[in-house]
Amino acid sequence: MFTAALTDFFRLRLQDAIVHEVGLPLRPSVDRYLAELLVRFTRTTETFSLQDEHGRPITRLSEMLEHGDVRARAWSFRRERDVHKHIGDVLLFWSGVFPEFLRTRDAEDQWIEPHRQGPASYLIAASYRVPPCDSEAETLHWLSRDFEGYAYALKSVRKAFGA
């Protein structure tokens, strides 16, 4: 019950920011996705929920990218898609809610430009248009296309909390 109420709260704040501050049209699947992302990432274990083949959490973006490539460490195309979706989520969340975290990344991750890699990862994930992935493809496409605007909307939600 609490999770649903929190999701609805975030969704209303996001809708207002998306339309009135960013100037993007409302896309119900996108604002629902973003509200659920905010709720999900309130648990830091979700932010770093990707695991390597030994069950260890993957915390570096550079390592996430390795696991998101079937030519490197992704063990399937579905894994590649899921990892890129997660990379997009992490970079959008950090860009909007905790941009200061992006400035404190270690040397291995400094070469990754969040506002390029986030949209690119969402676009890769959106390209998987086969069941069951096809149900999110359009939403991921919009997140890729309007990444900066949605990051700004997330910043607006953060400001609403006085942070």
C-alpha atoms as a PDB file:
ATOM      1  CA  MET A   1       0.000   0.000   0.000  1.00  0.00           C
ATOM      2  CA  PHE A   2       2.760   2.453   0.955  1.00  0.00           C
ATOM      3  CA  THR A   3       4.667   1.722  -2.257  1.00  0.00           C
ATOM      4  CA  ALA A   4       1.579   2.434  -4.387  1.00  0.00           C
ATOM      5  CA  ALA A   5       0.933   5.718  -2.562  1.00  0.00           C
ATOM      6  CA  LEU A   6       4.562   6.760  -2.969  1.00  0.00           C
ATOM      7  CA  THR A   7       4.490   5.847  -6.663  1.00  0.00           C
ATOM      8  CA  ASP A   8       1.336   7.939  -7.144  1.00  0.00           C
ATOM      9  CA  PHE A   9       2.930  10.850  -5.269  1.00  0.00           C
ATOM     10  CA  PHE A  10       6.038  10.762  -7.467  1.00  0.00           C
ATOM     11  CA  ARG A  11       3.951  10.332 -10.601  1.00  0.00           C
ATOM     12  CA  LEU A  12       1.925  13.484  -9.920  1.00  0.00           C
ATOM     13  CA  ARG A  13       5.098  15.501  -9.256  1.00  0.00           C
ATOM     14  CA  LEU A  14       6.729  14.102 -12.389  1.00  0.00           C
ATOM     15  CA  GLN A  15       3.718  14.812 -14.583  1.00  0.00           C
ATOM     16  CA  ASP A  16       3.690  18.426 -13.431  1.00  0.00           C
ATOM     17  CA  ALA A  17       7.430  18.821 -14.048  1.00  0.00           C
ATOM     18  CA  ILE A  18       7.341  17.066 -17.428  1.00  0.00           C
ATOM     19  CA  VAL A  19       4.540  19.248 -18.778  1.00  0.00           C
ATOM     20  CA  HIS A  20       5.076  22.611 -17.050  1.00  0.00           C
ATOM     21  CA  GLU A  21       8.830  22.774 -16.564  1.00  0.00           C
ATOM     22  CA  VAL A  22      10.269  20.619 -19.325  1.00  0.00           C
ATOM     23  CA  GLY A  23       7.538  21.097 -21.926  1.00  0.00           C
ATOM     24  CA  LEU A  24       7.275  17.489 -23.016  1.00  0.00           C
ATOM     25  CA  PRO A  25       3.949  15.803 -23.651  1.00  0.00           C
ATOM     26  CA  LEU A  26       2.661  13.349 -21.098  1.00  0.00           C
ATOM     27  CA  ARG A  27       3.326   9.756 -21.976  1.00  0.00           C
ATOM     28  CA  PRO A  28       1.622   7.616 -19.320  1.00  0.00           C
ATOM     29  CA  SER A  29       4.036   4.725 -19.719  1.00  0.00           C
ATOM     30  CA  VAL A  30       7.000   7.070 -19.217  1.00  0.00           C
ATOM     31  CA  ASP A  31       5.804   8.937 -16.144  1.00  0.00           C
ATOM     32  CA  ARG A  32       4.695   5.632 -14.587  1.00  0.00           C
ATOM     33  CA  TYR A  33       8.113   4.131 -15.382  1.00  0.00           C
ATOM     34  CA  LEU A  34       9.930   7.115 -13.848  1.00  0.00           C
ATOM     35  CA  ALA A  35       7.781   7.067 -10.701  1.00  0.00           C
ATOM     36  CA  GLU A  36       8.432   3.335 -10.276  1.00  0.00           C
ATOM     37  CA  LEU A  37      12.143   3.958 -10.870  1.00  0.00           C
ATOM     38  CA  LEU A  38      12.213   6.516  -8.050  1.00  0.00           C
ATOM     39  CA  VAL A  39      10.489   4.102  -5.686  1.00  0.00           C
ATOM     40  CA  ARG A  40      12.694   1.181  -6.731  1.00  0.00           C
ATOM     41  CA  PHE A  41      15.920   3.142  -6.330  1.00  0.00           C
ATOM     42  CA  THR A  42      15.014   4.315  -2.824  1.00  0.00           C
ATOM     43  CA  ARG A  43      16.679   1.005  -1.969  1.00  0.00           C
ATOM     44  CA  THR A  44      20.367   1.280  -2.858  1.00  0.00           C
ATOM     45  CA  THR A  45      20.478  -2.469  -3.346  1.00  0.00           C
ATOM     46  CA  GLU A  46      18.321  -1.916  -6.441  1.00  0.00           C
ATOM     47  CA  THR A  47      20.721   0.664  -7.863  1.00  0.00           C
ATOM     48  CA  PHE A  48      23.444  -1.964  -7.776  1.00  0.00           C
ATOM     49  CA  SER A  49      21.274  -5.005  -8.417  1.00  0.00           C
ATOM     50  CA  LEU A  50      23.309  -6.206 -11.411  1.00  0.00           C
ATOM     51  CA  GLN A  51      25.536  -9.106 -10.534  1.00  0.00           C
ATOM     52  CA  ASP A  52      28.442 -10.701 -12.298  1.00  0.00           C
ATOM     53  CA  GLU A  53      28.696 -14.395 -13.096  1.00  0.00           C
ATOM     54  CA  HIS A  54      29.885 -15.055  -9.513  1.00  0.00           C
ATOM     55  CA  GLY A  55      26.938 -13.265  -7.891  1.00  0.00           C
ATOM     56  CA  ARG A  56      28.902 -10.159  -6.898  1.00  0.00           C
ATOM     57  CA  PRO A  57      27.223  -6.759  -7.326  1.00  0.00           C
ATOM     58  CA  ILE A  58      28.483  -4.704 -10.260  1.00  0.00           C
ATOM     59  CA  THR A  59      29.016  -1.131  -9.087  1.00  0.00           C
ATOM     60  CA  ARG A  60      31.171   0.395 -11.830  1.00  0.00           C
ATOM     61  CA  LEU A  61      29.626   1.692 -15.013  1.00  0.00           C
ATOM     62  CA  SER A  62      32.568   0.422 -17.044  1.00  0.00           C
ATOM     63  CA  GLU A  63      31.968  -3.101 -15.755  1.00  0.00           C
ATOM     64  CA  MET A  64      28.220  -2.763 -16.389  1.00  0.00           C
ATOM     65  CA  LEU A  65      29.041  -1.927 -20.005  1.00  0.00           C
ATOM     66  CA  GLU A  66      31.168  -5.071 -20.299  1.00  0.00           C
ATOM     67  CA  HIS A  67      28.249  -7.145 -19.005  1.00  0.00           C
ATOM     68  CA  GLY A  68      25.980  -5.401 -21.507  1.00  0.00           C
ATOM     69  CA  ASP A  69      27.817  -6.682 -24.548  1.00  0.00           C
ATOM     70  CA  VAL A  70      27.426 -10.225 -25.866  1.00  0.00           C
ATOM     71  CA  ARG A  71      30.882  -9.925 -27.407  1.00  0.00           C
ATOM     72  CA  ALA A  72      32.318  -9.383 -23.937  1.00  0.00           C
ATOM     73  CA  ARG A  73      30.580 -10.691 -20.810  1.00  0.00           C
ATOM     74  CA  ALA A  74      26.831 -10.766 -21.497  1.00  0.00           C
ATOM     75  CA  TRP A  75      25.782 -14.408 -21.580  1.00  0.00           C
ATOM     76  CA  SER A  76      22.736 -13.767 -23.786  1.00  0.00           C
ATOM     77  CA  PHE A  77      21.051 -11.100 -25.859  1.00  0.00           C
ATOM     78  CA  ARG A  78      18.385 -10.805 -23.154  1.00  0.00           C
ATOM     79  CA  ARG A  79      21.150 -10.125 -20.627  1.00  0.00           C
ATOM     80  CA  GLU A  80      22.567  -7.461 -22.958  1.00  0.00           C
ATOM     81  CA  ARG A  81      19.165  -5.769 -23.149  1.00  0.00           C
ATOM     82  CA  ASP A  82      18.532  -5.958 -19.396  1.00  0.00           C
ATOM     83  CA  VAL A  83      21.965  -4.561 -18.554  1.00  0.00           C
ATOM     84  CA  HIS A  84      21.550  -1.631 -20.935  1.00  0.00           C
ATOM     85  CA  LYS A  85      18.116  -0.891 -19.509  1.00  0.00           C
ATOM     86  CA  HIS A  86      19.683  -0.871 -16.053  1.00  0.00           C
ATOM     87  CA  ILE A  87      22.546   1.388 -17.188  1.00  0.00           C
ATOM     88  CA  GLY A  88      19.993   3.823 -18.623  1.00  0.00           C
ATOM     89  CA  ASP A  89      18.052   3.724 -15.350  1.00  0.00           C
ATOM     90  CA  VAL A  90      21.128   4.296 -13.211  1.00  0.00           C
ATOM     91  CA  LEU A  91      22.411   7.169 -15.332  1.00  0.00           C
ATOM     92  CA  LEU A  92      18.999   8.834 -15.549  1.00  0.00           C
ATOM     93  CA  PHE A  93      18.492   8.491 -11.797  1.00  0.00           C
ATOM     94  CA  TRP A  94      21.944   9.851 -10.973  1.00  0.00           C
ATOM     95  CA  SER A  95      21.645  12.643 -13.552  1.00  0.00           C
ATOM     96  CA  GLY A  96      18.353  13.787 -12.108  1.00  0.00           C
ATOM     97  CA  VAL A  97      18.394  12.943  -8.430  1.00  0.00           C
ATOM     98  CA  PHE A  98      22.085  12.737  -7.486  1.00  0.00           C
ATOM     99  CA  PRO A  99      24.155  14.574 -10.114  1.00  0.00           C
ATOM    100  CA  GLU A 100      26.847  15.167  -7.499  1.00  0.00           C
ATOM    101  CA  PHE A 101      27.466  11.403  -7.457  1.00  0.00           C
ATOM    102  CA  LEU A 102      28.435  11.533 -11.120  1.00  0.00           C
ATOM    103  CA  ARG A 103      31.294  13.909 -10.269  1.00  0.00           C
ATOM    104  CA  THR A 104      32.766  11.499  -7.720  1.00  0.00           C
ATOM    105  CA  ARG A 105      33.151   8.478  -9.983  1.00  0.00           C
ATOM    106  CA  ASP A 106      36.460   6.664 -10.047  1.00  0.00           C
ATOM    107  CA  ALA A 107      38.981   7.024 -12.858  1.00  0.00           C
ATOM    108  CA  GLU A 108      37.713   3.967 -14.767  1.00  0.00           C
ATOM    109  CA  ASP A 109      34.271   5.527 -15.119  1.00  0.00           C
ATOM    110  CA  GLN A 110      35.317   9.115 -15.847  1.00  0.00           C
ATOM    111  CA  TRP A 111      35.378   8.496 -19.600  1.00  0.00           C
ATOM    112  CA  ILE A 112      31.682   7.588 -19.595  1.00  0.00           C
ATOM    113  CA  GLU A 113      29.509  10.591 -20.413  1.00  0.00           C
ATOM    114  CA  PRO A 114      26.181  10.013 -18.637  1.00  0.00           C
ATOM    115  CA  HIS A 115      24.139  12.198 -20.995  1.00  0.00           C
ATOM    116  CA  ARG A 116      25.401  10.196 -23.973  1.00  0.00           C
ATOM    117  CA  GLN A 117      25.629   6.711 -22.484  1.00  0.00           C
ATOM    118  CA  GLY A 118      22.219   6.871 -20.770  1.00  0.00           C
ATOM    119  CA  PRO A 119      20.291   7.573 -23.986  1.00  0.00           C
ATOM    120  CA  ALA A 120      22.485   5.118 -25.924  1.00  0.00           C
ATOM    121  CA  SER A 121      21.796   2.341 -23.415  1.00  0.00           C
ATOM    122  CA  TYR A 122      18.065   3.015 -23.459  1.00  0.00           C
ATOM    123  CA  LEU A 123      18.130   2.930 -27.256  1.00  0.00           C
ATOM    124  CA  ILE A 124      19.900  -0.439 -27.245  1.00  0.00           C
ATOM    125  CA  ALA A 125      17.348  -1.822 -24.771  1.00  0.00           C
ATOM    126  CA  ALA A 126      14.477  -0.355 -26.831  1.00  0.00           C
ATOM    127  CA  SER A 127      15.704  -2.180 -29.939  1.00  0.00           C
ATOM    128  CA  TYR A 128      14.687  -5.522 -28.412  1.00  0.00           C
ATOM    129  CA  ARG A 129      11.169  -5.721 -29.772  1.00  0.00           C
ATOM    130  CA  VAL A 130      10.389  -9.352 -29.082  1.00  0.00           C
ATOM    131  CA  PRO A 131       8.228 -10.689 -26.234  1.00  0.00           C
ATOM    132  CA  PRO A 132       8.444 -10.078 -23.344  1.00  0.00           C
ATOM    133  CA  CYS A 133      10.765  -7.092 -23.946  1.00  0.00           C
ATOM    134  CA  ASP A 134       8.541  -5.477 -26.560  1.00  0.00           C
ATOM    135  CA  SER A 135       6.124  -4.185 -23.919  1.00  0.00           C
ATOM    136  CA  GLU A 136       8.724  -1.647 -22.711  1.00  0.00           C
ATOM    137  CA  ALA A 137      10.337  -0.823 -26.044  1.00  0.00           C
ATOM    138  CA  GLU A 138       8.364   2.347 -26.726  1.00  0.00           C
ATOM    139  CA  THR A 139       8.880   3.669 -23.193  1.00  0.00           C
ATOM    140  CA  LEU A 140      12.628   3.055 -23.425  1.00  0.00           C
ATOM    141  CA  HIS A 141      12.680   4.773 -26.811  1.00  0.00           C
ATOM    142  CA  TRP A 142      11.125   7.938 -25.298  1.00  0.00           C
ATOM    143  CA  LEU A 143      13.540   7.804 -22.357  1.00  0.00           C
ATOM    144  CA  SER A 144      16.411   7.676 -24.853  1.00  0.00           C
ATOM    145  CA  ARG A 145      15.066  10.441 -27.030  1.00  0.00           C
ATOM    146  CA  ASP A 146      14.212  12.869 -24.207  1.00  0.00           C
ATOM    147  CA  PHE A 147      16.799  11.783 -21.617  1.00  0.00           C
ATOM    148  CA  GLU A 148      17.826  15.342 -20.692  1.00  0.00           C
ATOM    149  CA  GLY A 149      14.236  16.464 -20.217  1.00  0.00           C
ATOM    150  CA  TYR A 150      13.391  13.515 -17.998  1.00  0.00           C
ATOM    151  CA  ALA A 151      16.570  14.059 -15.976  1.00  0.00           C
ATOM    152  CA  TYR A 152      15.435  17.650 -15.444  1.00  0.00           C
ATOM    153  CA  ALA A 153      12.001  16.431 -14.324  1.00  0.00           C
ATOM    154  CA  LEU A 154      13.690  14.143 -11.779  1.00  0.00           C
ATOM    155  CA  LYS A 155      15.733  17.140 -10.533  1.00  0.00           C
ATOM    156  CA  SER A 156      12.473  19.009 -10.061  1.00  0.00           C
ATOM    157  CA  VAL A 157      11.074  16.183  -7.935  1.00  0.00           C
ATOM    158  CA  ARG A 158      14.239  16.259  -5.831  1.00  0.00           C
ATOM    159  CA  LYS A 159      13.846  20.015  -5.341  1.00  0.00           C
ATOM    160  CA  ALA A 160      10.279  19.462  -4.153  1.00  0.00           C
ATOM    161  CA  PHE A 161      11.822  17.649  -1.194  1.00  0.00           C
ATOM    162  CA  GLY A 162      14.095  20.583  -0.434  1.00  0.00           C
ATOM    163  CA  ALA A 163      17.227  18.669  -1.340  1.00  0.00           C
END
